[in-house]
Amino acid sequence: SAAYSPVQSVNPPDAPWEQSLGASIFGTPQYTLPVDDLGGFVPPSWQHGNQPVPDDLLPAMYLFDLLPSADKPTNFSIHGVPYTATLGPSGMQSDIYLFQQ
């Protein structure tokens, strides 16, 4: 029988956990977990409706790859209410509008 090698058994080069860890931390957006609700990131004074994105929400949208581009609006919920985020007329990342669905 083959000799037992602790190095090979402890750290195989293609360990599934290493692949999933790398994909979740460094992967492209299609490998990140979906975010259903960003309600925890809006200010306490949040009121539903169509409006410019609050400053508190921008870092979370960036973190979860939910910033819209000129040709791709993004969709997510805030406290269970669905929204679409689109770029405003300037096309700048600081000019984002939320539309309640």
Protein backbone atom coordinates (compact mmCIF):
# COMPACT_ATOMS: atom_id res chain seq x y z
CA SER A 1 0.00 0.00 0.00
CA ALA A 2 1.03 3.62 -0.46
CA ALA A 3 2.93 5.31 2.34
CA TYR A 4 0.92 7.68 4.53
CA SER A 5 1.89 11.30 3.93
CA PRO A 6 0.51 13.82 6.44
CA VAL A 7 1.41 16.71 4.14
CA GLN A 8 -0.71 15.38 1.28
CA SER A 9 -3.67 14.51 3.49
CA VAL A 10 -3.67 17.79 5.43
CA ASN A 11 -3.16 20.17 2.55
CA PRO A 12 -4.22 18.74 -0.82
CA PRO A 13 -3.62 21.32 -3.57
CA ASP A 14 -7.22 21.27 -4.78
CA ALA A 15 -9.09 21.17 -1.47
CA PRO A 16 -12.73 22.17 -2.11
CA TRP A 17 -12.76 24.48 0.93
CA GLU A 18 -9.79 26.40 -0.52
CA GLN A 19 -11.58 26.84 -3.82
CA SER A 20 -14.80 28.04 -2.21
CA LEU A 21 -12.93 30.33 0.21
CA GLY A 22 -10.99 31.89 -2.65
CA ALA A 23 -14.11 32.30 -4.75
CA SER A 24 -16.04 33.93 -1.94
CA ILE A 25 -13.28 36.38 -1.01
CA PHE A 26 -11.59 37.08 -4.33
CA GLY A 27 -14.11 35.86 -6.89
CA THR A 28 -16.02 37.83 -9.45
CA PRO A 29 -19.55 38.98 -8.56
CA GLN A 30 -21.24 35.85 -9.92
CA TYR A 31 -19.54 33.89 -7.12
CA THR A 32 -20.64 36.15 -4.26
CA LEU A 33 -23.65 35.30 -2.15
CA PRO A 34 -26.83 37.11 -3.13
CA VAL A 35 -27.91 39.91 -0.86
CA ASP A 36 -31.65 40.02 -0.34
CA ASP A 37 -32.09 43.04 1.87
CA LEU A 38 -30.02 46.15 2.59
CA GLY A 39 -32.38 47.42 5.29
CA GLY A 40 -29.63 47.22 7.90
CA PHE A 41 -27.63 49.85 6.01
CA VAL A 42 -30.20 52.64 5.63
CA PRO A 43 -30.45 55.41 8.25
CA PRO A 44 -33.06 55.11 11.05
CA SER A 45 -35.00 57.95 9.42
CA TRP A 46 -35.46 55.90 6.20
CA GLN A 47 -38.80 56.32 4.44
CA HIS A 48 -39.76 54.20 1.43
CA GLY A 49 -40.22 55.83 -1.95
CA ASN A 50 -38.33 57.00 -5.03
CA GLN A 51 -35.29 59.02 -3.95
CA PRO A 52 -31.56 59.60 -4.32
CA VAL A 53 -29.55 56.88 -2.59
CA PRO A 54 -28.70 57.84 1.01
CA ASP A 55 -24.98 58.21 1.76
CA ASP A 56 -25.23 55.44 4.40
CA LEU A 57 -26.26 52.94 1.71
CA LEU A 58 -23.45 53.57 -0.81
CA PRO A 59 -20.72 51.57 1.01
CA ALA A 60 -23.04 48.55 1.32
CA MET A 61 -23.99 48.77 -2.35
CA TYR A 62 -20.28 48.85 -3.22
CA LEU A 63 -19.47 45.98 -0.84
CA PHE A 64 -22.16 43.71 -2.27
CA ASP A 65 -21.49 44.74 -5.89
CA LEU A 66 -24.88 46.42 -6.22
CA LEU A 67 -23.76 49.75 -7.67
CA PRO A 68 -25.56 50.29 -10.99
CA SER A 69 -23.75 51.07 -14.22
CA ALA A 70 -25.01 53.09 -17.18
CA ASP A 71 -26.33 49.96 -18.90
CA LYS A 72 -27.16 47.81 -15.87
CA PRO A 73 -29.51 48.86 -13.06
CA THR A 74 -29.38 46.74 -9.90
CA ASN A 75 -32.19 45.26 -7.81
CA PHE A 76 -32.40 44.62 -4.08
CA SER A 77 -34.77 45.06 -1.16
CA ILE A 78 -34.81 47.52 1.73
CA HIS A 79 -36.79 46.24 4.72
CA GLY A 80 -38.56 43.78 2.40
CA VAL A 81 -39.55 46.41 -0.20
CA PRO A 82 -38.05 45.85 -3.69
CA TYR A 83 -36.02 48.66 -5.26
CA THR A 84 -34.16 49.25 -8.51
CA ALA A 85 -31.05 51.44 -8.39
CA THR A 86 -30.12 53.39 -11.52
CA LEU A 87 -27.50 55.98 -12.40
CA GLY A 88 -28.81 59.53 -12.59
CA PRO A 89 -28.38 61.88 -15.57
CA SER A 90 -24.74 62.71 -14.74
CA GLY A 91 -23.72 59.03 -14.96
CA MET A 92 -21.56 59.49 -11.84
CA GLN A 93 -21.46 56.83 -9.10
CA SER A 94 -22.47 59.55 -6.64
CA ASP A 95 -25.63 60.19 -8.71
CA ILE A 96 -27.70 57.07 -7.97
CA TYR A 97 -31.47 56.98 -7.65
CA LEU A 98 -33.65 54.35 -5.99
CA PHE A 99 -37.02 53.47 -7.48
CA GLN A 100 -39.50 51.55 -5.36
CA GLN A 101 -41.00 48.62 -7.28
